[in-house]
Amino acid sequence: MQKSQDLWYVDNGCSNRMTGDKSSFVQLDESTKLNITLADGRTQEVAGKETIAMKDKNGFTKYVQDSLCVLDLASNLLSVGQLI
Protein backbone atom coordinates (compact mmCIF):
# COMPACT_ATOMS: atom_id res chain seq x y z
CA MET A 1 0.00 0.00 0.00
CA GLN A 2 1.36 3.42 -0.96
CA LYS A 3 1.68 6.15 1.62
CA SER A 4 -0.34 9.29 0.87
CA GLN A 5 2.91 11.29 0.52
CA ASP A 6 3.85 8.94 -2.36
CA LEU A 7 0.59 9.49 -4.26
CA TRP A 8 0.44 12.22 -6.87
CA TYR A 9 -2.69 13.49 -8.61
CA VAL A 10 -2.50 14.77 -12.17
CA ASP A 11 -4.62 17.93 -12.17
CA ASN A 12 -5.59 19.87 -15.28
CA GLY A 13 -6.81 22.81 -13.19
CA CYS A 14 -3.58 23.15 -11.25
CA SER A 15 -1.09 25.73 -12.53
CA ASN A 16 1.92 24.45 -10.55
CA ARG A 17 3.17 21.12 -9.28
CA MET A 18 3.13 21.17 -5.49
CA THR A 19 3.39 19.08 -2.38
CA GLY A 20 3.05 19.60 1.35
CA ASP A 21 5.73 16.99 2.06
CA LYS A 22 8.96 18.89 2.67
CA SER A 23 10.93 15.62 2.77
CA SER A 24 10.18 15.05 -0.96
CA PHE A 25 12.54 17.88 -1.87
CA VAL A 26 16.15 17.11 -2.76
CA GLN A 27 16.70 20.86 -3.06
CA LEU A 28 14.49 23.54 -1.53
CA ASP A 29 14.92 27.30 -1.83
CA GLU A 30 13.00 28.56 1.19
CA SER A 31 13.55 32.18 0.16
CA THR A 32 10.79 31.77 -2.45
CA LYS A 33 7.74 33.29 -0.75
CA LEU A 34 4.47 33.83 -2.54
CA ASN A 35 0.79 33.09 -2.06
CA ILE A 36 -1.29 30.74 -4.16
CA THR A 37 -5.05 30.32 -4.34
CA LEU A 38 -6.36 26.78 -4.09
CA ALA A 39 -9.40 25.42 -5.94
CA ASP A 40 -11.61 25.96 -2.87
CA GLY A 41 -10.66 29.65 -2.78
CA ARG A 42 -8.32 29.44 0.22
CA THR A 43 -4.99 31.24 -0.01
CA GLN A 44 -1.84 29.41 1.09
CA GLU A 45 1.73 30.62 1.48
CA VAL A 46 4.44 28.82 -0.45
CA ALA A 47 7.24 27.69 1.88
CA GLY A 48 9.77 27.22 -0.92
CA LYS A 49 10.40 26.05 -4.47
CA GLU A 50 12.88 23.70 -6.15
CA THR A 51 13.41 20.02 -7.04
CA ILE A 52 11.51 17.00 -5.75
CA ALA A 53 12.30 13.33 -6.17
CA MET A 54 9.53 10.85 -6.90
CA LYS A 55 9.47 7.17 -7.78
CA ASP A 56 7.71 6.04 -10.94
CA LYS A 57 5.66 2.83 -11.14
CA ASN A 58 8.84 0.85 -11.92
CA GLY A 59 10.65 2.18 -8.86
CA PHE A 60 12.94 4.56 -10.76
CA THR A 61 13.55 7.98 -9.23
CA LYS A 62 12.47 10.97 -11.30
CA TYR A 63 13.45 14.54 -10.46
CA VAL A 64 10.88 17.26 -10.99
CA GLN A 65 12.08 20.86 -10.98
CA ASP A 66 10.16 24.04 -10.17
CA SER A 67 7.92 22.34 -7.61
CA LEU A 68 6.27 24.30 -4.83
CA CYS A 69 6.26 23.39 -1.15
CA VAL A 70 2.86 24.26 0.32
CA LEU A 71 2.88 22.87 3.86
CA ASP A 72 -0.89 22.74 4.45
CA LEU A 73 -1.63 20.99 1.15
CA ALA A 74 -3.66 17.79 1.63
CA SER A 75 -2.61 16.12 -1.66
CA ASN A 76 0.38 16.14 -4.00
CA LEU A 77 -0.53 17.76 -7.32
CA LEU A 78 1.06 17.53 -10.76
CA SER A 79 0.04 20.25 -13.17
CA VAL A 80 -0.95 18.99 -16.64
CA GLY A 81 0.12 22.33 -18.11
CA GLN A 82 3.60 22.02 -16.66
CA LEU A 83 3.92 18.40 -17.74
CA ILE A 84 3.24 19.17 -21.38
PDB file of N, CA and C in Angstrom:
ATOM      1  N   MET A   1       0.847  -1.187   0.000  1.00  0.00           N
ATOM      2  CA  MET A   1       0.000   0.000   0.000  1.00  0.00           C
ATOM      3  C   MET A   1       0.887   1.244   0.000  1.00  0.00           C
ATOM      4  N   GLN A   2       0.579   2.194  -0.884  1.00  0.00           N
ATOM      5  CA  GLN A   2       1.365   3.420  -0.962  1.00  0.00           C
ATOM      6  C   GLN A   2       0.965   4.382   0.144  1.00  0.00           C
ATOM      7  N   LYS A   3       1.951   5.098   0.658  1.00  0.00           N
ATOM      8  CA  LYS A   3       1.681   6.150   1.623  1.00  0.00           C
ATOM      9  C   LYS A   3       1.113   7.346   0.872  1.00  0.00           C
ATOM     10  N   SER A   4       0.284   8.143   1.532  1.00  0.00           N
ATOM     11  CA  SER A   4      -0.338   9.290   0.867  1.00  0.00           C
ATOM     12  C   SER A   4       0.700  10.269   0.339  1.00  0.00           C
ATOM     13  N   GLN A   5       1.876  10.371   0.997  1.00  0.00           N
ATOM     14  CA  GLN A   5       2.913  11.286   0.516  1.00  0.00           C
ATOM     15  C   GLN A   5       3.527  10.784  -0.779  1.00  0.00           C
ATOM     16  N   ASP A   6       3.323   9.503  -1.118  1.00  0.00           N
ATOM     17  CA  ASP A   6       3.848   8.938  -2.359  1.00  0.00           C
ATOM     18  C   ASP A   6       2.859   9.041  -3.514  1.00  0.00           C
ATOM     19  N   LEU A   7       1.622   9.382  -3.228  1.00  0.00           N
ATOM     20  CA  LEU A   7       0.589   9.488  -4.262  1.00  0.00           C
ATOM     21  C   LEU A   7       0.565  10.889  -4.857  1.00  0.00           C
ATOM     22  N   TRP A   8       0.499  10.943  -6.168  1.00  0.00           N
ATOM     23  CA  TRP A   8       0.444  12.216  -6.874  1.00  0.00           C
ATOM     24  C   TRP A   8      -0.780  12.227  -7.772  1.00  0.00           C
ATOM     25  N   TYR A   9      -1.515  13.326  -7.770  1.00  0.00           N
ATOM     26  CA  TYR A   9      -2.691  13.486  -8.609  1.00  0.00           C
ATOM     27  C   TYR A   9      -2.357  14.403  -9.773  1.00  0.00           C
ATOM     28  N   VAL A  10      -2.667  13.950 -10.973  1.00  0.00           N
ATOM     29  CA  VAL A  10      -2.498  14.772 -12.168  1.00  0.00           C
ATOM     30  C   VAL A  10      -3.729  15.652 -12.256  1.00  0.00           C
ATOM     31  N   ASP A  11      -3.525  16.963 -12.269  1.00  0.00           N
ATOM     32  CA  ASP A  11      -4.625  17.927 -12.167  1.00  0.00           C
ATOM     33  C   ASP A  11      -4.554  18.921 -13.324  1.00  0.00           C
ATOM     34  N   ASN A  12      -5.593  18.938 -14.145  1.00  0.00           N
ATOM     35  CA  ASN A  12      -5.590  19.867 -15.281  1.00  0.00           C
ATOM     36  C   ASN A  12      -6.002  21.279 -14.877  1.00  0.00           C
ATOM     37  N   GLY A  13      -6.470  21.482 -13.661  1.00  0.00           N
ATOM     38  CA  GLY A  13      -6.814  22.810 -13.186  1.00  0.00           C
ATOM     39  C   GLY A  13      -5.716  23.444 -12.346  1.00  0.00           C
ATOM     40  N   CYS A  14      -4.689  22.696 -12.093  1.00  0.00           N
ATOM     41  CA  CYS A  14      -3.575  23.153 -11.252  1.00  0.00           C
ATOM     42  C   CYS A  14      -2.531  23.842 -12.126  1.00  0.00           C
ATOM     43  N   SER A  15      -2.066  25.004 -11.713  1.00  0.00           N
ATOM     44  CA  SER A  15      -1.095  25.733 -12.532  1.00  0.00           C
ATOM     45  C   SER A  15       0.356  25.434 -12.151  1.00  0.00           C
ATOM     46  N   ASN A  16       0.572  24.793 -11.009  1.00  0.00           N
ATOM     47  CA  ASN A  16       1.924  24.449 -10.551  1.00  0.00           C
ATOM     48  C   ASN A  16       1.917  23.058  -9.928  1.00  0.00           C
ATOM     49  N   ARG A  17       3.056  22.378 -10.021  1.00  0.00           N
ATOM     50  CA  ARG A  17       3.173  21.121  -9.276  1.00  0.00           C
ATOM     51  C   ARG A  17       3.542  21.497  -7.848  1.00  0.00           C
ATOM     52  N   MET A  18       2.934  20.793  -6.890  1.00  0.00           N
ATOM     53  CA  MET A  18       3.127  21.170  -5.493  1.00  0.00           C
ATOM     54  C   MET A  18       2.872  20.008  -4.553  1.00  0.00           C
ATOM     55  N   THR A  19       3.546  20.074  -3.424  1.00  0.00           N
ATOM     56  CA  THR A  19       3.392  19.078  -2.377  1.00  0.00           C
ATOM     57  C   THR A  19       3.502  19.753  -1.016  1.00  0.00           C
ATOM     58  N   GLY A  20       2.909  19.136  -0.027  1.00  0.00           N
ATOM     59  CA  GLY A  20       3.047  19.602   1.346  1.00  0.00           C
ATOM     60  C   GLY A  20       4.107  18.831   2.102  1.00  0.00           C
ATOM     61  N   ASP A  21       4.739  17.860   1.432  1.00  0.00           N
ATOM     62  CA  ASP A  21       5.731  16.994   2.056  1.00  0.00           C
ATOM     63  C   ASP A  21       7.132  17.547   1.817  1.00  0.00           C
ATOM     64  N   LYS A  22       7.645  18.252   2.791  1.00  0.00           N
ATOM     65  CA  LYS A  22       8.957  18.890   2.670  1.00  0.00           C
ATOM     66  C   LYS A  22      10.071  17.867   2.439  1.00  0.00           C
ATOM     67  N   SER A  23       9.887  16.647   2.918  1.00  0.00           N
ATOM     68  CA  SER A  23      10.927  15.620   2.773  1.00  0.00           C
ATOM     69  C   SER A  23      11.049  15.115   1.333  1.00  0.00           C
ATOM     70  N   SER A  24      10.105  15.445   0.458  1.00  0.00           N
ATOM     71  CA  SER A  24      10.178  15.053  -0.956  1.00  0.00           C
ATOM     72  C   SER A  24      11.220  15.861  -1.724  1.00  0.00           C
ATOM     73  N   PHE A  25      11.635  16.981  -1.171  1.00  0.00           N
ATOM     74  CA  PHE A  25      12.544  17.878  -1.871  1.00  0.00           C
ATOM     75  C   PHE A  25      13.999  17.447  -1.697  1.00  0.00           C
ATOM     76  N   VAL A  26      14.706  17.356  -2.812  1.00  0.00           N
ATOM     77  CA  VAL A  26      16.147  17.113  -2.759  1.00  0.00           C
ATOM     78  C   VAL A  26      16.891  18.440  -2.710  1.00  0.00           C
ATOM     79  N   GLN A  27      16.233  19.481  -3.171  1.00  0.00           N
ATOM     80  CA  GLN A  27      16.704  20.861  -3.061  1.00  0.00           C
ATOM     81  C   GLN A  27      15.473  21.706  -2.762  1.00  0.00           C
ATOM     82  N   LEU A  28      15.614  22.661  -1.860  1.00  0.00           N
ATOM     83  CA  LEU A  28      14.490  23.544  -1.532  1.00  0.00           C
ATOM     84  C   LEU A  28      15.008  24.935  -1.235  1.00  0.00           C
ATOM     85  N   ASP A  29      14.570  25.897  -2.035  1.00  0.00           N
ATOM     86  CA  ASP A  29      14.918  27.299  -1.834  1.00  0.00           C
ATOM     87  C   ASP A  29      13.799  27.920  -1.010  1.00  0.00           C
ATOM     88  N   GLU A  30      14.034  28.053   0.290  1.00  0.00           N
ATOM     89  CA  GLU A  30      12.995  28.563   1.190  1.00  0.00           C
ATOM     90  C   GLU A  30      12.868  30.079   1.136  1.00  0.00           C
ATOM     91  N   SER A  31      13.685  30.732   0.314  1.00  0.00           N
ATOM     92  CA  SER A  31      13.549  32.182   0.161  1.00  0.00           C
ATOM     93  C   SER A  31      12.412  32.530  -0.797  1.00  0.00           C
ATOM     94  N   THR A  32      11.921  31.546  -1.540  1.00  0.00           N
ATOM     95  CA  THR A  32      10.789  31.769  -2.446  1.00  0.00           C
ATOM     96  C   THR A  32       9.529  31.870  -1.609  1.00  0.00           C
ATOM     97  N   LYS A  33       8.960  33.051  -1.532  1.00  0.00           N
ATOM     98  CA  LYS A  33       7.743  33.289  -0.750  1.00  0.00           C
ATOM     99  C   LYS A  33       6.705  33.934  -1.656  1.00  0.00           C
ATOM    100  N   LEU A  34       5.592  33.275  -1.809  1.00  0.00           N
ATOM    101  CA  LEU A  34       4.468  33.829  -2.542  1.00  0.00           C
ATOM    102  C   LEU A  34       3.215  33.152  -2.051  1.00  0.00           C
ATOM    103  N   ASN A  35       2.077  33.672  -2.434  1.00  0.00           N
ATOM    104  CA  ASN A  35       0.794  33.088  -2.056  1.00  0.00           C
ATOM    105  C   ASN A  35       0.133  32.495  -3.285  1.00  0.00           C
ATOM    106  N   ILE A  36      -0.531  31.365  -3.080  1.00  0.00           N
ATOM    107  CA  ILE A  36      -1.294  30.741  -4.156  1.00  0.00           C
ATOM    108  C   ILE A  36      -2.736  30.600  -3.701  1.00  0.00           C
ATOM    109  N   THR A  37      -3.641  30.541  -4.647  1.00  0.00           N
ATOM    110  CA  THR A  37      -5.051  30.324  -4.345  1.00  0.00           C
ATOM    111  C   THR A  37      -5.414  28.912  -4.763  1.00  0.00           C
ATOM    112  N   LEU A  38      -5.962  28.154  -3.826  1.00  0.00           N
ATOM    113  CA  LEU A  38      -6.364  26.776  -4.091  1.00  0.00           C
ATOM    114  C   LEU A  38      -7.750  26.738  -4.736  1.00  0.00           C
ATOM    115  N   ALA A  39      -8.130  25.579  -5.236  1.00  0.00           N
ATOM    116  CA  ALA A  39      -9.403  25.418  -5.944  1.00  0.00           C
ATOM    117  C   ALA A  39     -10.604  25.793  -5.079  1.00  0.00           C
ATOM    118  N   ASP A  40     -10.497  25.621  -3.761  1.00  0.00           N
ATOM    119  CA  ASP A  40     -11.612  25.961  -2.869  1.00  0.00           C
ATOM    120  C   ASP A  40     -11.620  27.433  -2.466  1.00  0.00           C
ATOM    121  N   GLY A  41     -10.692  28.221  -3.041  1.00  0.00           N
ATOM    122  CA  GLY A  41     -10.657  29.653  -2.779  1.00  0.00           C
ATOM    123  C   GLY A  41      -9.738  30.064  -1.640  1.00  0.00           C
ATOM    124  N   ARG A  42      -9.241  29.101  -0.873  1.00  0.00           N
ATOM    125  CA  ARG A  42      -8.319  29.436   0.218  1.00  0.00           C
ATOM    126  C   ARG A  42      -6.973  29.873  -0.348  1.00  0.00           C
ATOM    127  N   THR A  43      -6.325  30.783   0.357  1.00  0.00           N
ATOM    128  CA  THR A  43      -4.988  31.238  -0.015  1.00  0.00           C
ATOM    129  C   THR A  43      -3.980  30.567   0.909  1.00  0.00           C
ATOM    130  N   GLN A  44      -2.890  30.067   0.324  1.00  0.00           N
ATOM    131  CA  GLN A  44      -1.836  29.412   1.091  1.00  0.00           C
ATOM    132  C   GLN A  44      -0.493  30.046   0.746  1.00  0.00           C
ATOM    133  N   GLU A  45       0.383  30.110   1.729  1.00  0.00           N
ATOM    134  CA  GLU A  45       1.726  30.621   1.483  1.00  0.00           C
ATOM    135  C   GLU A  45       2.631  29.485   1.020  1.00  0.00           C
ATOM    136  N   VAL A  46       3.449  29.768   0.028  1.00  0.00           N
ATOM    137  CA  VAL A  46       4.443  28.819  -0.454  1.00  0.00           C
ATOM    138  C   VAL A  46       5.652  28.907   0.472  1.00  0.00           C
ATOM    139  N   ALA A  47       6.121  27.740   0.945  1.00  0.00           N
ATOM    140  CA  ALA A  47       7.241  27.690   1.879  1.00  0.00           C
ATOM    141  C   ALA A  47       8.578  27.507   1.165  1.00  0.00           C
ATOM    142  N   GLY A  48       8.548  27.383  -0.150  1.00  0.00           N
ATOM    143  CA  GLY A  48       9.772  27.217  -0.918  1.00  0.00           C
ATOM    144  C   GLY A  48       9.488  26.627  -2.278  1.00  0.00           C
ATOM    145  N   LYS A  49      10.536  26.553  -3.104  1.00  0.00           N
ATOM    146  CA  LYS A  49      10.405  26.049  -4.466  1.00  0.00           C
ATOM    147  C   LYS A  49      11.726  25.435  -4.898  1.00  0.00           C
ATOM    148  N   GLU A  50      11.675  24.284  -5.560  1.00  0.00           N
ATOM    149  CA  GLU A  50      12.876  23.699  -6.148  1.00  0.00           C
ATOM    150  C   GLU A  50      12.595  22.309  -6.689  1.00  0.00           C
ATOM    151  N   THR A  51      13.447  21.341  -6.400  1.00  0.00           N
ATOM    152  CA  THR A  51      13.411  20.025  -7.039  1.00  0.00           C
ATOM    153  C   THR A  51      12.943  18.945  -6.073  1.00  0.00           C
ATOM    154  N   ILE A  52      11.972  18.154  -6.534  1.00  0.00           N
ATOM    155  CA  ILE A  52      11.507  17.004  -5.750  1.00  0.00           C
ATOM    156  C   ILE A  52      11.941  15.719  -6.436  1.00  0.00           C
ATOM    157  N   ALA A  53      12.009  14.665  -5.647  1.00  0.00           N
ATOM    158  CA  ALA A  53      12.300  13.332  -6.171  1.00  0.00           C
ATOM    159  C   ALA A  53      11.055  12.485  -5.977  1.00  0.00           C
ATOM    160  N   MET A  54      10.672  11.753  -7.017  1.00  0.00           N
ATOM    161  CA  MET A  54       9.527  10.845  -6.900  1.00  0.00           C
ATOM    162  C   MET A  54       9.860   9.552  -7.620  1.00  0.00           C
ATOM    163  N   LYS A  55       9.270   8.479  -7.150  1.00  0.00           N
ATOM    164  CA  LYS A  55       9.467   7.172  -7.776  1.00  0.00           C
ATOM    165  C   LYS A  55       8.348   6.930  -8.779  1.00  0.00           C
ATOM    166  N   ASP A  56       8.728   6.407  -9.966  1.00  0.00           N
ATOM    167  CA  ASP A  56       7.705   6.041 -10.942  1.00  0.00           C
ATOM    168  C   ASP A  56       7.207   4.629 -10.628  1.00  0.00           C
ATOM    169  N   LYS A  57       6.282   4.126 -11.426  1.00  0.00           N
ATOM    170  CA  LYS A  57       5.663   2.833 -11.136  1.00  0.00           C
ATOM    171  C   LYS A  57       6.658   1.679 -11.198  1.00  0.00           C
ATOM    172  N   ASN A  58       7.809   1.880 -11.843  1.00  0.00           N
ATOM    173  CA  ASN A  58       8.844   0.853 -11.924  1.00  0.00           C
ATOM    174  C   ASN A  58       9.906   0.998 -10.839  1.00  0.00           C
ATOM    175  N   GLY A  59       9.722   1.978  -9.961  1.00  0.00           N
ATOM    176  CA  GLY A  59      10.652   2.181  -8.862  1.00  0.00           C
ATOM    177  C   GLY A  59      11.832   3.082  -9.178  1.00  0.00           C
ATOM    178  N   PHE A  60      11.853   3.653 -10.382  1.00  0.00           N
ATOM    179  CA  PHE A  60      12.938   4.558 -10.757  1.00  0.00           C
ATOM    180  C   PHE A  60      12.661   5.956 -10.212  1.00  0.00           C
ATOM    181  N   THR A  61      13.700   6.638  -9.764  1.00  0.00           N
ATOM    182  CA  THR A  61      13.551   7.984  -9.229  1.00  0.00           C
ATOM    183  C   THR A  61      13.555   9.000 -10.370  1.00  0.00           C
ATOM    184  N   LYS A  62      12.570   9.862 -10.352  1.00  0.00           N
ATOM    185  CA  LYS A  62      12.471  10.969 -11.302  1.00  0.00           C
ATOM    186  C   LYS A  62      12.596  12.262 -10.516  1.00  0.00           C
ATOM    187  N   TYR A  63      13.271  13.238 -11.111  1.00  0.00           N
ATOM    188  CA  TYR A  63      13.450  14.537 -10.465  1.00  0.00           C
ATOM    189  C   TYR A  63      12.593  15.562 -11.195  1.00  0.00           C
ATOM    190  N   VAL A  64      11.808  16.290 -10.423  1.00  0.00           N
ATOM    191  CA  VAL A  64      10.876  17.263 -10.991  1.00  0.00           C
ATOM    192  C   VAL A  64      11.239  18.643 -10.450  1.00  0.00           C
ATOM    193  N   GLN A  65      11.644  19.516 -11.365  1.00  0.00           N
ATOM    194  CA  GLN A  65      12.080  20.863 -10.978  1.00  0.00           C
ATOM    195  C   GLN A  65      10.896  21.824 -10.889  1.00  0.00           C
ATOM    196  N   ASP A  66      11.148  22.961 -10.294  1.00  0.00           N
ATOM    197  CA  ASP A  66      10.159  24.043 -10.172  1.00  0.00           C
ATOM    198  C   ASP A  66       8.890  23.598  -9.455  1.00  0.00           C
ATOM    199  N   SER A  67       9.051  22.808  -8.408  1.00  0.00           N
ATOM    200  CA  SER A  67       7.924  22.342  -7.610  1.00  0.00           C
ATOM    201  C   SER A  67       7.775  23.225  -6.380  1.00  0.00           C
ATOM    202  N   LEU A  68       6.542  23.444  -5.981  1.00  0.00           N
ATOM    203  CA  LEU A  68       6.266  24.299  -4.831  1.00  0.00           C
ATOM    204  C   LEU A  68       6.046  23.473  -3.574  1.00  0.00           C
ATOM    205  N   CYS A  69       6.516  23.989  -2.456  1.00  0.00           N
ATOM    206  CA  CYS A  69       6.263  23.394  -1.152  1.00  0.00           C
ATOM    207  C   CYS A  69       5.166  24.213  -0.480  1.00  0.00           C
ATOM    208  N   VAL A  70       4.005  23.597  -0.314  1.00  0.00           N
ATOM    209  CA  VAL A  70       2.857  24.256   0.322  1.00  0.00           C
ATOM    210  C   VAL A  70       2.482  23.384   1.510  1.00  0.00           C
ATOM    211  N   LEU A  71       2.921  23.754   2.697  1.00  0.00           N
ATOM    212  CA  LEU A  71       2.882  22.872   3.861  1.00  0.00           C
ATOM    213  C   LEU A  71       1.489  22.382   4.240  1.00  0.00           C
ATOM    214  N   ASP A  72       0.452  23.156   4.054  1.00  0.00           N
ATOM    215  CA  ASP A  72      -0.893  22.740   4.452  1.00  0.00           C
ATOM    216  C   ASP A  72      -1.655  22.015   3.346  1.00  0.00           C
ATOM    217  N   LEU A  73      -0.981  21.659   2.283  1.00  0.00           N
ATOM    218  CA  LEU A  73      -1.627  20.993   1.155  1.00  0.00           C
ATOM    219  C   LEU A  73      -1.973  19.554   1.534  1.00  0.00           C
ATOM    220  N   ALA A  74      -3.199  19.128   1.260  1.00  0.00           N
ATOM    221  CA  ALA A  74      -3.659  17.791   1.628  1.00  0.00           C
ATOM    222  C   ALA A  74      -3.202  16.718   0.641  1.00  0.00           C
ATOM    223  N   SER A  75      -2.978  17.085  -0.626  1.00  0.00           N
ATOM    224  CA  SER A  75      -2.607  16.118  -1.660  1.00  0.00           C
ATOM    225  C   SER A  75      -1.449  16.661  -2.481  1.00  0.00           C
ATOM    226  N   ASN A  76      -0.697  15.753  -3.072  1.00  0.00           N
ATOM    227  CA  ASN A  76       0.378  16.136  -3.999  1.00  0.00           C
ATOM    228  C   ASN A  76      -0.236  16.327  -5.376  1.00  0.00           C
ATOM    229  N   LEU A  77       0.083  17.435  -6.031  1.00  0.00           N
ATOM    230  CA  LEU A  77      -0.535  17.755  -7.318  1.00  0.00           C
ATOM    231  C   LEU A  77       0.499  17.959  -8.419  1.00  0.00           C
ATOM    232  N   LEU A  78       0.254  17.325  -9.558  1.00  0.00           N
ATOM    233  CA  LEU A  78       1.064  17.529 -10.756  1.00  0.00           C
ATOM    234  C   LEU A  78       0.226  18.298 -11.756  1.00  0.00           C
ATOM    235  N   SER A  79       0.733  19.403 -12.216  1.00  0.00           N
ATOM    236  CA  SER A  79       0.037  20.251 -13.174  1.00  0.00           C
ATOM    237  C   SER A  79       0.153  19.677 -14.591  1.00  0.00           C
ATOM    238  N   VAL A  80      -0.965  19.454 -15.251  1.00  0.00           N
ATOM    239  CA  VAL A  80      -0.954  18.985 -16.640  1.00  0.00           C
ATOM    240  C   VAL A  80      -0.237  20.001 -17.515  1.00  0.00           C
ATOM    241  N   GLY A  81      -0.510  21.277 -17.318  1.00  0.00           N
ATOM    242  CA  GLY A  81       0.119  22.328 -18.112  1.00  0.00           C
ATOM    243  C   GLY A  81       1.631  22.319 -18.008  1.00  0.00           C
ATOM    244  N   GLN A  82       2.150  22.075 -16.833  1.00  0.00           N
ATOM    245  CA  GLN A  82       3.601  22.022 -16.661  1.00  0.00           C
ATOM    246  C   GLN A  82       4.186  20.736 -17.226  1.00  0.00           C
ATOM    247  N   LEU A  83       3.421  19.667 -17.219  1.00  0.00           N
ATOM    248  CA  LEU A  83       3.916  18.396 -17.737  1.00  0.00           C
ATOM    249  C   LEU A  83       4.069  18.414 -19.263  1.00  0.00           C
ATOM    250  N   ILE A  84       3.154  19.149 -19.925  1.00  0.00           N
ATOM    251  CA  ILE A  84       3.240  19.172 -21.384  1.00  0.00           C
ATOM    252  C   ILE A  84       4.041  20.370 -21.810  1.00  0.00           C
TER     253      ILE A  84
END
